[in-house]
Amino acid sequence: MKFLNKTLIIAFSLLAFAGCKKLDIAPTDRFSDLTFWTVDVNVNSALNNNYSLLYNSSLYFEPEALSDNAYSPSGDLNLIASGNATSLTAKFAGDWASYYKTIKSVNIFLENVDQNKTLPAATIARMKAENQFMRAFALFNLSKWYGDVPLPDHDLTPEEAQVIPRTSKAAVSEYIIAQLEAAIPNLPSKDQLPASENGRITKGAALALQMRTLLYQGNKMAEVVAVCEKLINNQATYGTYSLTSNYSALFSDPATNKTNSESILSLQYVPTVRTWQNFWDFAPRTVGGRVSAMAPTQELVDDYIMLNGKGIKEAGSGYVETNPYINRDPRLTATVVYDRYTWVNPNNTTKTIYIKPGSDPVQPGLDEYSPGSQSASATGYYWRKYFDPIALSSFVSGNNLHLFRYAEVLLTYAEAKNALGQMDATIWAKTIGALRARAGFTDPAALSFPSGDLTAVIRRERRAELAMEGLRTDDIRRWRVAEVTMNGFAHGAKFATDQNIDGGYIRTQQRKFNPQRDYLWAIPSSEVSLNKNLTQNPGY
């Protein structure tokens, strides 16, 4: 994306300007807080800086390991998933600081950009709207994890920062919705964006964040439907979106990943300029992976349905435990690497991935499951989704990470319609049916409107479609099922030494989830000690 290729000023410079005392006379040999914002290139650099603060690859991928989708042996992720986190846990403090850093930088921008008198008024209005979205997104994530949080709607003085109280989660959500409503008229639609501005915030992105905010409240399903219908039915106003034809290409084909009809907002990456490298610790070692820092669970694998639309435990599914990966949802192969997986290399050659202990013809088998291994997968599975075939050495990737996709709109619409008792064959066909058809299902039994528990079907579909996109933890928390899914063992493939325990499936991690405590993260103890008006969440 060209506008991210420009030089980004670092956040420190903005904070430094904010910290200076006002001067009666501006220096003429350097920028000051009186002159910085009058220069057009500085305003654009400040905007780009805030885009760089919006989110990052770690915030994107790490939540998977806090759900039943994945296991990570890494530090805080292991600590949180096993129910042993405290108010001193570093991730709680790190994520809190990251979001509030974004909010501070946004507030500085919004309070100062009107000093510029040379950029067109419409350009300034658009930039303000983009920053309103960024602040709303940070507040959404803060309230999602921590519940009631401080809501700085302006750049706080040090004195204000030490006394600002928590605002209720409900009030924060109302503020987010109001900010997005105010921003939408000043944002372009996707169709109005030139190619050089791909990745900038649009009307569609603001609606998608509204949708997610309302959905997570749980009792606003009619409002969720209304927002979804704007994105589905009013595309002349909000932008033209549709499912791409190839699910895997969205994540792994560089051309499709960058330019497609499905992405509503993506984190923009550019090879050598802004990159991410998490996949180095997701991939099998025999294709260049380093260690397995986050591995898919058996629980995730089991939730991918058969090609006939049945779950693996349903009568007539055709599932064979000794040959478990055949006739499954094609998104399984697009997402998870399993034993005897055919890995397609960038040059279209293939490699078989041997994971079952002792099965690799070339020993030692680097990808084979080995109890206690510090490098091979602890679950007997690796990731394929987001593999970048043109990545630089050590999987340094310039592929985008999708924050909001049209597929999520369809899934959310189906969930909200079902919650309202309004799901029917027509809604099914343009939501779940369309997603399955795009995935590669052809059996009429899988594509037609089903009977039975639609809630379970829609939730399972959401899991399969959005796996490895950081949303599963949000879902199990908002559905209030985390005390079920996150209590007990996370499992891996059927490679355990003792086949009499849990059917021979690897016991990877003993997890604990206290519903009286763990639906919220701890307010970092360092923040509580600095602000006398910050109270702690229950149980910490």
Protein backbone atom coordinates (compact mmCIF):
# COMPACT_ATOMS: atom_id res chain seq x y z
CA MET A 1 0.00 0.00 0.00
CA LYS A 2 1.64 3.21 -1.20
CA PHE A 3 0.59 5.46 1.64
CA LEU A 4 2.24 3.09 4.13
CA ASN A 5 5.44 3.06 2.11
CA LYS A 6 6.03 6.67 3.07
CA THR A 7 8.29 7.37 6.00
CA LEU A 8 6.43 6.86 9.27
CA ILE A 9 7.19 9.18 12.14
CA ILE A 10 7.45 7.34 15.41
CA ALA A 11 4.98 7.83 18.23
CA PHE A 12 7.66 9.30 20.45
CA SER A 13 7.92 12.41 18.31
CA LEU A 14 4.21 13.08 18.65
CA LEU A 15 4.29 12.50 22.37
CA ALA A 16 7.28 14.80 22.64
CA PHE A 17 5.38 17.58 20.89
CA ALA A 18 2.44 17.02 23.22
CA GLY A 19 4.68 17.27 26.25
CA CYS A 20 6.21 20.65 25.35
CA LYS A 21 4.96 23.78 27.03
CA LYS A 22 3.25 26.29 24.78
CA LEU A 23 5.64 28.95 23.54
CA ASP A 24 4.76 32.54 22.79
CA ILE A 25 7.12 32.57 19.82
CA ALA A 26 7.61 29.58 17.56
CA PRO A 27 11.23 28.75 16.67
CA THR A 28 12.00 29.30 13.00
CA ASP A 29 14.72 26.67 12.58
CA ARG A 30 12.79 23.57 13.60
CA PHE A 31 9.27 22.22 14.05
CA SER A 32 7.53 22.96 17.32
CA ASP A 33 4.08 22.12 18.54
CA LEU A 34 3.03 25.51 17.15
CA THR A 35 4.24 24.77 13.63
CA PHE A 36 4.26 20.99 13.24
CA TRP A 37 0.62 20.65 12.26
CA THR A 38 0.70 23.51 9.75
CA VAL A 39 2.86 21.43 7.40
CA ASP A 40 0.87 19.06 5.18
CA VAL A 41 3.51 16.32 5.05
CA ASN A 42 3.64 16.25 8.85
CA VAL A 43 -0.10 15.74 9.08
CA ASN A 44 0.06 12.88 6.61
CA SER A 45 2.99 11.34 8.49
CA ALA A 46 1.07 11.62 11.75
CA LEU A 47 -1.90 9.86 10.14
CA ASN A 48 0.34 7.07 8.85
CA ASN A 49 1.89 6.75 12.28
CA ASN A 50 -1.53 6.17 13.79
CA TYR A 51 -2.32 3.53 11.18
CA SER A 52 0.86 1.74 12.24
CA LEU A 53 -0.42 1.73 15.85
CA LEU A 54 -3.85 0.33 14.97
CA TYR A 55 -2.98 -3.35 15.52
CA ASN A 56 -0.15 -5.81 14.97
CA SER A 57 0.45 -9.46 14.13
CA SER A 58 0.90 -10.57 17.74
CA LEU A 59 -2.40 -9.04 18.81
CA TYR A 60 -3.93 -10.75 15.79
CA PHE A 61 -2.66 -14.31 16.27
CA GLU A 62 -2.10 -14.72 20.01
CA PRO A 63 -5.79 -14.89 21.04
CA GLU A 64 -6.07 -18.23 19.21
CA ALA A 65 -3.93 -19.80 21.95
CA LEU A 66 -6.34 -18.43 24.57
CA SER A 67 -9.16 -20.45 23.01
CA ASP A 68 -9.83 -24.11 22.28
CA ASN A 69 -8.44 -23.61 18.76
CA ALA A 70 -4.76 -23.66 19.66
CA TYR A 71 -2.14 -24.38 22.28
CA SER A 72 0.96 -22.34 22.95
CA PRO A 73 3.80 -23.28 25.31
CA SER A 74 4.87 -19.65 25.35
CA GLY A 75 4.99 -17.75 28.64
CA ASP A 76 1.93 -15.62 29.26
CA LEU A 77 -0.28 -17.37 26.72
CA ASN A 78 0.28 -20.65 28.54
CA LEU A 79 -0.27 -18.91 31.88
CA ILE A 80 -3.58 -17.34 30.86
CA ALA A 81 -4.95 -20.46 29.15
CA SER A 82 -4.13 -22.61 32.18
CA GLY A 83 -5.96 -20.22 34.51
CA ASN A 84 -2.83 -19.10 36.36
CA ALA A 85 -2.61 -15.45 35.29
CA THR A 86 -2.49 -12.66 37.86
CA SER A 87 -2.60 -8.87 37.82
CA LEU A 88 1.18 -9.01 37.32
CA THR A 89 0.94 -10.99 34.05
CA ALA A 90 2.94 -9.06 31.49
CA LYS A 91 0.51 -9.55 28.58
CA PHE A 92 -2.25 -7.84 30.52
CA ALA A 93 -0.02 -4.80 30.99
CA GLY A 94 1.43 -4.92 27.48
CA ASP A 95 -1.89 -5.04 25.65
CA TRP A 96 -3.36 -2.34 27.90
CA ALA A 97 -0.40 -0.07 27.14
CA SER A 98 -0.59 -0.77 23.42
CA TYR A 99 -4.23 0.25 23.13
CA TYR A 100 -3.84 3.35 25.26
CA LYS A 101 -0.77 4.39 23.27
CA THR A 102 -2.98 4.32 20.17
CA ILE A 103 -5.69 6.33 21.91
CA LYS A 104 -3.22 8.97 23.09
CA SER A 105 -1.74 9.38 19.62
CA VAL A 106 -5.22 9.63 18.10
CA ASN A 107 -6.30 12.24 20.65
CA ILE A 108 -3.19 14.31 19.91
CA PHE A 109 -4.03 14.18 16.21
CA LEU A 110 -7.67 15.15 16.69
CA GLU A 111 -6.84 18.05 18.98
CA ASN A 112 -4.19 19.53 16.69
CA VAL A 113 -5.02 18.79 13.06
CA ASP A 114 -7.25 21.86 12.70
CA GLN A 115 -4.12 23.99 13.00
CA ASN A 116 -3.49 23.02 9.38
CA LYS A 117 -5.01 25.59 7.01
CA THR A 118 -3.70 24.30 3.68
CA LEU A 119 -5.18 20.82 3.36
CA PRO A 120 -8.75 20.80 1.98
CA ALA A 121 -11.50 20.76 4.60
CA ALA A 122 -12.82 17.45 3.24
CA THR A 123 -9.37 15.88 3.63
CA ILE A 124 -9.13 17.05 7.24
CA ALA A 125 -12.64 15.71 7.93
CA ARG A 126 -11.71 12.34 6.45
CA MET A 127 -8.52 12.15 8.52
CA LYS A 128 -10.50 12.92 11.66
CA ALA A 129 -12.98 10.18 10.80
CA GLU A 130 -10.16 7.67 10.31
CA ASN A 131 -8.79 8.56 13.72
CA GLN A 132 -12.22 8.28 15.31
CA PHE A 133 -12.33 4.73 13.98
CA MET A 134 -8.87 3.98 15.38
CA ARG A 135 -9.83 5.22 18.83
CA ALA A 136 -13.08 3.27 18.68
CA PHE A 137 -11.23 0.09 17.70
CA ALA A 138 -8.78 0.47 20.59
CA LEU A 139 -11.62 1.09 23.04
CA PHE A 140 -13.52 -1.90 21.68
CA ASN A 141 -10.54 -4.17 22.35
CA LEU A 142 -9.92 -2.70 25.78
CA SER A 143 -13.52 -3.16 26.92
CA LYS A 144 -13.62 -6.64 25.37
CA TRP A 145 -10.71 -7.81 27.53
CA TYR A 146 -10.95 -5.65 30.65
CA GLY A 147 -14.64 -4.71 30.92
CA ASP A 148 -15.07 -1.23 32.37
CA VAL A 149 -12.10 0.90 31.28
CA PRO A 150 -10.99 4.54 31.37
CA LEU A 151 -12.34 6.42 28.37
CA PRO A 152 -10.03 9.30 27.44
CA ASP A 153 -11.95 11.34 24.87
CA HIS A 154 -9.16 13.95 24.80
CA ASP A 155 -5.43 14.02 25.37
CA LEU A 156 -5.10 13.66 29.13
CA THR A 157 -2.74 15.73 31.20
CA PRO A 158 -0.48 13.73 33.54
CA GLU A 159 -2.69 14.85 36.40
CA GLU A 160 -5.86 13.66 34.67
CA ALA A 161 -4.25 10.33 33.81
CA GLN A 162 -3.66 9.66 37.51
CA VAL A 163 -7.32 10.05 38.49
CA ILE A 164 -9.44 9.06 35.46
CA PRO A 165 -12.01 6.47 36.58
CA ARG A 166 -13.30 3.44 34.74
CA THR A 167 -16.29 3.93 32.44
CA SER A 168 -18.84 1.12 32.24
CA LYS A 169 -18.47 -1.27 29.33
CA ALA A 170 -22.00 -0.41 28.21
CA ALA A 171 -21.16 3.30 28.11
CA VAL A 172 -17.92 2.61 26.25
CA SER A 173 -19.88 0.63 23.66
CA GLU A 174 -22.35 3.49 23.26
CA TYR A 175 -19.44 5.89 22.77
CA ILE A 176 -17.89 3.59 20.13
CA ILE A 177 -21.16 3.40 18.18
CA ALA A 178 -21.62 7.18 18.35
CA GLN A 179 -18.07 7.83 17.19
CA LEU A 180 -18.48 5.49 14.24
CA GLU A 181 -21.80 7.07 13.29
CA ALA A 182 -20.12 10.47 13.30
CA ALA A 183 -17.22 9.16 11.21
CA ILE A 184 -19.16 7.36 8.46
CA PRO A 185 -20.34 10.45 6.49
CA ASN A 186 -16.74 11.65 6.14
CA LEU A 187 -15.28 8.31 5.05
CA PRO A 188 -15.16 7.02 1.46
CA SER A 189 -16.76 3.78 0.39
CA LYS A 190 -14.49 0.96 -0.74
CA ASP A 191 -15.48 1.69 -4.34
CA GLN A 192 -14.24 5.28 -4.01
CA LEU A 193 -10.74 4.25 -2.94
CA PRO A 194 -8.01 4.47 -5.55
CA ALA A 195 -5.64 1.50 -5.65
CA SER A 196 -2.93 3.63 -4.02
CA GLU A 197 -5.10 3.94 -0.90
CA ASN A 198 -6.02 0.30 -0.40
CA GLY A 199 -6.13 -0.37 3.31
CA ARG A 200 -7.43 2.99 4.42
CA ILE A 201 -10.50 3.04 6.63
CA THR A 202 -13.83 3.19 4.81
CA LYS A 203 -17.53 3.43 5.53
CA GLY A 204 -17.65 -0.36 5.33
CA ALA A 205 -14.94 -0.74 7.96
CA ALA A 206 -16.81 1.58 10.32
CA LEU A 207 -19.99 -0.45 9.83
CA ALA A 208 -18.09 -3.70 10.41
CA LEU A 209 -16.77 -2.40 13.74
CA GLN A 210 -20.27 -1.27 14.65
CA MET A 211 -21.51 -4.75 13.80
CA ARG A 212 -18.92 -6.46 15.97
CA THR A 213 -19.47 -4.05 18.87
CA LEU A 214 -23.21 -4.63 18.84
CA LEU A 215 -22.83 -8.39 18.41
CA TYR A 216 -20.56 -8.66 21.43
CA GLN A 217 -23.16 -6.95 23.62
CA GLY A 218 -25.39 -9.99 23.10
CA ASN A 219 -28.74 -8.24 23.40
CA LYS A 220 -28.65 -6.03 20.32
CA MET A 221 -29.40 -8.56 17.62
CA ALA A 222 -31.96 -6.42 15.80
CA GLU A 223 -29.38 -3.64 15.57
CA VAL A 224 -26.80 -6.18 14.38
CA VAL A 225 -29.15 -7.24 11.59
CA ALA A 226 -29.69 -3.62 10.54
CA VAL A 227 -25.96 -2.95 10.25
CA CYS A 228 -25.33 -6.21 8.39
CA GLU A 229 -28.09 -5.38 5.92
CA LYS A 230 -26.42 -2.07 5.13
CA LEU A 231 -23.28 -3.94 4.13
CA ILE A 232 -25.19 -6.66 2.27
CA ASN A 233 -27.93 -4.66 0.57
CA ASN A 234 -26.69 -1.05 0.33
CA GLN A 235 -23.40 -1.58 -1.41
CA ALA A 236 -23.84 1.44 -3.69
CA THR A 237 -23.48 3.56 -0.55
CA TYR A 238 -21.13 1.56 1.63
CA GLY A 239 -19.00 -0.35 -0.87
CA THR A 240 -19.25 -3.48 -2.99
CA TYR A 241 -18.27 -6.64 -1.10
CA SER A 242 -18.53 -10.31 -2.02
CA LEU A 243 -16.89 -13.62 -1.23
CA THR A 244 -13.78 -14.38 -3.25
CA SER A 245 -13.87 -17.64 -5.19
CA ASN A 246 -10.91 -19.26 -3.39
CA TYR A 247 -10.80 -19.43 0.41
CA SER A 248 -7.13 -20.32 0.72
CA ALA A 249 -6.05 -17.62 -1.72
CA LEU A 250 -7.37 -14.91 0.59
CA PHE A 251 -4.56 -15.69 3.00
CA SER A 252 -1.80 -17.25 0.93
CA ASP A 253 -1.95 -15.98 -2.63
CA PRO A 254 -0.10 -12.64 -2.61
CA ALA A 255 -2.20 -11.10 -5.38
CA THR A 256 -5.57 -12.16 -3.95
CA ASN A 257 -4.48 -11.36 -0.41
CA LYS A 258 -3.72 -7.76 -1.36
CA THR A 259 -6.63 -7.01 -3.68
CA ASN A 260 -9.95 -8.80 -3.35
CA SER A 261 -13.67 -8.22 -2.99
CA GLU A 262 -13.91 -9.68 0.51
CA SER A 263 -11.56 -7.68 2.69
CA ILE A 264 -13.31 -4.84 4.50
CA LEU A 265 -10.22 -3.78 6.45
CA SER A 266 -6.83 -5.45 6.60
CA LEU A 267 -3.56 -4.71 8.34
CA GLN A 268 -1.35 -3.56 5.51
CA TYR A 269 2.11 -5.03 5.13
CA VAL A 270 4.75 -4.30 2.51
CA PRO A 271 7.76 -6.57 1.92
CA THR A 272 10.93 -5.08 3.48
CA VAL A 273 9.00 -2.01 4.73
CA ARG A 274 6.49 -3.41 7.19
CA THR A 275 6.45 -7.17 7.71
CA TRP A 276 5.42 -9.89 10.13
CA GLN A 277 7.17 -13.16 10.97
CA ASN A 278 4.88 -15.18 13.23
CA PHE A 279 4.52 -17.96 10.67
CA TRP A 280 8.15 -18.94 11.24
CA ASP A 281 6.91 -20.43 14.51
CA PHE A 282 3.72 -21.91 13.02
CA ALA A 283 5.08 -23.92 10.07
CA PRO A 284 6.45 -27.48 10.02
CA ARG A 285 10.21 -27.55 10.51
CA THR A 286 10.87 -29.47 7.31
CA VAL A 287 9.53 -26.56 5.24
CA GLY A 288 11.45 -23.90 7.15
CA GLY A 289 9.68 -23.54 10.48
CA ARG A 290 11.72 -22.74 13.57
CA VAL A 291 9.73 -23.96 16.59
CA SER A 292 6.04 -24.65 17.13
CA ALA A 293 4.99 -21.68 19.23
CA MET A 294 1.26 -22.10 18.57
CA ALA A 295 -0.31 -25.34 17.34
CA PRO A 296 -3.89 -26.27 16.37
CA THR A 297 -5.78 -28.52 18.76
CA GLN A 298 -7.68 -31.73 18.14
CA GLU A 299 -10.78 -29.88 19.32
CA LEU A 300 -10.49 -27.51 16.36
CA VAL A 301 -9.81 -30.33 13.90
CA ASP A 302 -12.83 -32.27 15.16
CA ASP A 303 -15.18 -29.37 14.47
CA TYR A 304 -14.62 -29.41 10.71
CA ILE A 305 -17.61 -31.22 9.23
CA MET A 306 -17.69 -33.92 6.58
CA LEU A 307 -18.39 -33.13 2.92
CA ASN A 308 -21.95 -34.39 3.39
CA GLY A 309 -22.55 -31.67 6.00
CA LYS A 310 -22.56 -33.93 9.04
CA GLY A 311 -20.36 -33.58 12.09
CA ILE A 312 -17.86 -36.39 12.60
CA LYS A 313 -19.86 -37.81 15.51
CA GLU A 314 -23.22 -37.78 13.73
CA ALA A 315 -24.74 -40.99 12.45
CA GLY A 316 -24.13 -41.44 8.75
CA SER A 317 -21.25 -38.97 8.63
CA GLY A 318 -18.87 -41.51 7.12
CA TYR A 319 -16.07 -40.44 9.44
CA VAL A 320 -13.30 -43.02 9.88
CA GLU A 321 -11.08 -42.44 12.90
CA THR A 322 -8.18 -44.36 11.39
CA ASN A 323 -8.29 -42.14 8.30
CA PRO A 324 -9.66 -38.96 9.82
CA TYR A 325 -8.78 -36.26 7.27
CA ILE A 326 -10.55 -37.55 4.16
CA ASN A 327 -13.90 -36.19 2.97
CA ARG A 328 -13.68 -33.25 5.36
CA ASP A 329 -14.50 -29.57 5.02
CA PRO A 330 -11.88 -28.23 2.55
CA ARG A 331 -11.13 -25.39 4.97
CA LEU A 332 -9.45 -27.96 7.23
CA THR A 333 -6.74 -28.57 4.63
CA ALA A 334 -6.51 -24.83 3.95
CA THR A 335 -5.92 -24.16 7.64
CA VAL A 336 -4.28 -27.10 9.44
CA VAL A 337 -1.31 -29.33 8.60
CA TYR A 338 -1.94 -32.92 9.71
CA ASP A 339 -0.05 -36.20 9.40
CA ARG A 340 0.75 -37.12 5.77
CA TYR A 341 -0.31 -33.63 4.67
CA THR A 342 0.66 -32.72 1.12
CA TRP A 343 2.49 -29.42 1.47
CA VAL A 344 2.56 -27.44 -1.78
CA ASN A 345 5.76 -25.42 -2.20
CA PRO A 346 5.98 -22.07 -4.00
CA ASN A 347 7.39 -23.79 -7.11
CA ASN A 348 4.38 -26.18 -7.13
CA THR A 349 6.46 -29.13 -5.98
CA THR A 350 5.02 -31.03 -3.04
CA LYS A 351 6.32 -32.47 0.19
CA THR A 352 4.66 -34.96 2.51
CA ILE A 353 4.64 -33.83 6.14
CA TYR A 354 5.20 -36.80 8.46
CA ILE A 355 3.98 -36.13 12.00
CA LYS A 356 3.13 -39.56 13.42
CA PRO A 357 6.07 -40.74 15.54
CA GLY A 358 8.51 -42.93 13.61
CA SER A 359 6.79 -42.44 10.25
CA ASP A 360 9.20 -40.11 8.44
CA PRO A 361 11.45 -42.04 6.01
CA VAL A 362 14.16 -39.46 6.76
CA GLN A 363 15.19 -39.71 10.39
CA PRO A 364 15.23 -37.91 12.70
CA GLY A 365 11.77 -36.80 11.65
CA LEU A 366 11.80 -33.10 12.45
CA ASP A 367 8.02 -32.68 12.28
CA GLU A 368 7.16 -35.86 14.17
CA TYR A 369 5.34 -35.55 17.44
CA SER A 370 7.72 -36.17 20.34
CA PRO A 371 6.58 -35.76 23.96
CA GLY A 372 8.47 -32.91 25.60
CA SER A 373 9.99 -31.64 22.36
CA GLN A 374 10.99 -27.99 22.49
CA SER A 375 10.58 -27.50 18.74
CA ALA A 376 8.07 -29.92 17.19
CA SER A 377 4.33 -29.38 17.58
CA ALA A 378 2.97 -30.38 20.97
CA THR A 379 -0.38 -31.29 19.39
CA GLY A 380 0.77 -33.10 16.27
CA TYR A 381 -0.62 -30.31 14.06
CA TYR A 382 0.85 -27.23 12.38
CA TRP A 383 -0.69 -24.27 10.56
CA ARG A 384 -1.08 -23.75 6.81
CA LYS A 385 -3.40 -20.72 6.76
CA TYR A 386 -1.50 -17.49 6.08
CA PHE A 387 1.44 -19.35 4.54
CA ASP A 388 3.11 -16.80 2.24
CA PRO A 389 4.74 -18.49 -0.79
CA ILE A 390 6.85 -15.41 -1.57
CA ALA A 391 7.92 -14.72 2.00
CA LEU A 392 11.47 -13.63 2.59
CA SER A 393 13.90 -15.78 4.55
CA SER A 394 12.53 -17.15 7.83
CA PHE A 395 8.94 -16.48 6.72
CA VAL A 396 9.23 -12.70 6.83
CA SER A 397 5.93 -11.86 5.13
CA GLY A 398 4.44 -8.83 3.48
CA ASN A 399 0.96 -10.37 3.18
CA ASN A 400 -1.93 -8.50 4.76
CA LEU A 401 -3.79 -9.72 7.85
CA HIS A 402 -7.55 -9.40 7.50
CA LEU A 403 -9.24 -7.61 10.41
CA PHE A 404 -12.75 -7.62 8.93
CA ARG A 405 -13.97 -9.82 6.07
CA TYR A 406 -17.29 -9.99 4.29
CA ALA A 407 -17.47 -13.63 5.41
CA GLU A 408 -17.73 -12.39 9.00
CA VAL A 409 -20.65 -10.16 7.99
CA LEU A 410 -22.50 -13.17 6.58
CA LEU A 411 -21.77 -15.27 9.66
CA THR A 412 -22.86 -12.50 11.98
CA TYR A 413 -26.02 -11.91 9.97
CA ALA A 414 -26.87 -15.61 10.19
CA GLU A 415 -26.22 -15.66 13.94
CA ALA A 416 -28.33 -12.57 14.60
CA LYS A 417 -31.19 -13.71 12.38
CA ASN A 418 -31.20 -17.09 14.09
CA ALA A 419 -31.18 -15.47 17.53
CA LEU A 420 -34.25 -13.48 16.51
CA GLY A 421 -36.01 -16.61 15.22
CA GLN A 422 -35.81 -15.33 11.64
CA MET A 423 -33.44 -17.81 10.03
CA ASP A 424 -34.95 -19.46 6.98
CA ALA A 425 -33.83 -21.15 3.77
CA THR A 426 -33.34 -17.82 2.00
CA ILE A 427 -31.06 -16.39 4.70
CA TRP A 428 -29.24 -19.72 4.95
CA ALA A 429 -28.56 -19.78 1.21
CA LYS A 430 -26.91 -16.36 1.15
CA THR A 431 -24.93 -16.87 4.36
CA ILE A 432 -23.90 -20.36 5.49
CA GLY A 433 -24.80 -21.95 2.17
CA ALA A 434 -22.74 -19.39 0.27
CA LEU A 435 -19.75 -19.85 2.57
CA ARG A 436 -19.84 -23.63 2.18
CA ALA A 437 -20.17 -23.38 -1.57
CA ARG A 438 -17.14 -21.07 -1.71
CA ALA A 439 -15.22 -23.50 0.51
CA GLY A 440 -15.79 -26.29 -2.01
CA PHE A 441 -18.84 -28.20 -0.75
CA THR A 442 -20.99 -29.67 -3.50
CA ASP A 443 -23.20 -32.24 -1.73
CA PRO A 444 -26.78 -30.88 -1.59
CA ALA A 445 -27.06 -32.24 1.94
CA ALA A 446 -24.31 -29.84 3.06
CA LEU A 447 -25.64 -26.86 1.13
CA SER A 448 -29.37 -27.08 1.84
CA PHE A 449 -31.15 -25.57 4.84
CA PRO A 450 -30.83 -28.05 7.73
CA SER A 451 -33.11 -29.07 10.52
CA GLY A 452 -32.04 -29.42 14.13
CA ASP A 453 -29.92 -27.15 16.29
CA LEU A 454 -29.13 -24.20 14.04
CA THR A 455 -27.26 -22.39 16.80
CA ALA A 456 -24.69 -25.18 17.00
CA VAL A 457 -24.40 -25.34 13.21
CA ILE A 458 -23.82 -21.59 12.85
CA ARG A 459 -21.28 -21.51 15.66
CA ARG A 460 -19.37 -24.42 14.17
CA GLU A 461 -19.40 -22.73 10.77
CA ARG A 462 -18.02 -19.55 12.30
CA ARG A 463 -15.21 -21.53 13.91
CA ALA A 464 -14.21 -23.28 10.69
CA GLU A 465 -14.36 -20.14 8.56
CA LEU A 466 -12.53 -17.80 10.94
CA ALA A 467 -9.97 -20.13 12.55
CA MET A 468 -6.57 -18.49 13.06
CA GLU A 469 -8.02 -14.99 12.68
CA GLY A 470 -8.09 -14.21 16.40
CA LEU A 471 -11.86 -14.29 16.90
CA ARG A 472 -12.51 -17.66 18.54
CA THR A 473 -11.62 -16.40 22.03
CA ASP A 474 -14.07 -13.53 21.58
CA ASP A 475 -16.79 -15.96 20.53
CA ILE A 476 -16.49 -18.42 23.40
CA ARG A 477 -16.41 -15.53 25.86
CA ARG A 478 -19.42 -13.68 24.49
CA TRP A 479 -21.37 -16.96 24.22
CA ARG A 480 -20.42 -17.61 27.87
CA VAL A 481 -19.20 -21.13 27.09
CA ALA A 482 -15.55 -20.64 27.98
CA GLU A 483 -15.99 -22.43 31.30
CA VAL A 484 -16.84 -25.51 29.23
CA THR A 485 -14.40 -25.19 26.34
CA MET A 486 -11.48 -23.97 28.48
CA ASN A 487 -11.76 -26.39 31.39
CA GLY A 488 -10.06 -29.75 31.05
CA PHE A 489 -7.34 -30.89 28.68
CA ALA A 490 -6.53 -29.39 25.32
CA HIS A 491 -5.77 -32.33 23.06
CA GLY A 492 -3.63 -33.18 20.10
CA ALA A 493 -3.66 -35.96 17.50
CA LYS A 494 -4.07 -39.65 18.33
CA PHE A 495 -0.35 -40.14 19.01
CA ALA A 496 -0.35 -40.56 22.81
CA THR A 497 1.82 -43.30 24.28
CA ASP A 498 -1.09 -44.66 26.33
CA GLN A 499 -4.00 -45.27 23.95
CA ASN A 500 -6.29 -45.99 26.90
CA ILE A 501 -6.32 -42.40 28.15
CA ASP A 502 -8.65 -40.00 26.28
CA GLY A 503 -8.84 -42.46 23.41
CA GLY A 504 -5.15 -42.07 22.71
CA TYR A 505 -5.37 -38.37 21.90
CA ILE A 506 -2.47 -36.32 23.25
CA ARG A 507 -3.13 -34.46 26.47
CA THR A 508 -1.40 -31.19 25.67
CA GLN A 509 -2.39 -28.82 28.46
CA GLN A 510 -4.56 -28.88 31.56
CA ARG A 511 -6.72 -25.79 31.32
CA LYS A 512 -8.74 -24.03 33.97
CA PHE A 513 -11.32 -21.28 33.55
CA ASN A 514 -13.03 -19.66 36.50
CA PRO A 515 -16.26 -18.06 35.23
CA GLN A 516 -16.37 -15.77 38.28
CA ARG A 517 -12.98 -14.32 37.27
CA ASP A 518 -11.66 -15.20 33.86
CA TYR A 519 -14.21 -13.59 31.58
CA LEU A 520 -12.27 -10.41 32.28
CA TRP A 521 -8.54 -9.78 32.34
CA ALA A 522 -6.91 -8.15 35.32
CA ILE A 523 -6.35 -4.42 35.27
CA PRO A 524 -2.53 -4.29 35.34
CA SER A 525 -1.33 -3.87 38.90
CA SER A 526 1.08 -1.15 37.80
CA GLU A 527 -1.86 0.92 36.53
CA VAL A 528 -3.87 0.40 39.70
CA SER A 529 -0.93 1.63 41.77
CA LEU A 530 -0.63 4.80 39.64
CA ASN A 531 -4.32 5.72 39.55
CA LYS A 532 -6.24 5.76 42.81
CA ASN A 533 -9.56 5.65 40.92
CA LEU A 534 -8.82 2.41 39.08
CA THR A 535 -10.52 -0.55 40.71
CA GLN A 536 -9.48 -4.17 40.09
CA ASN A 537 -11.62 -6.80 38.40
CA PRO A 538 -13.09 -9.54 40.64
CA GLY A 539 -10.82 -12.43 41.60
CA TYR A 540 -7.50 -10.71 40.96
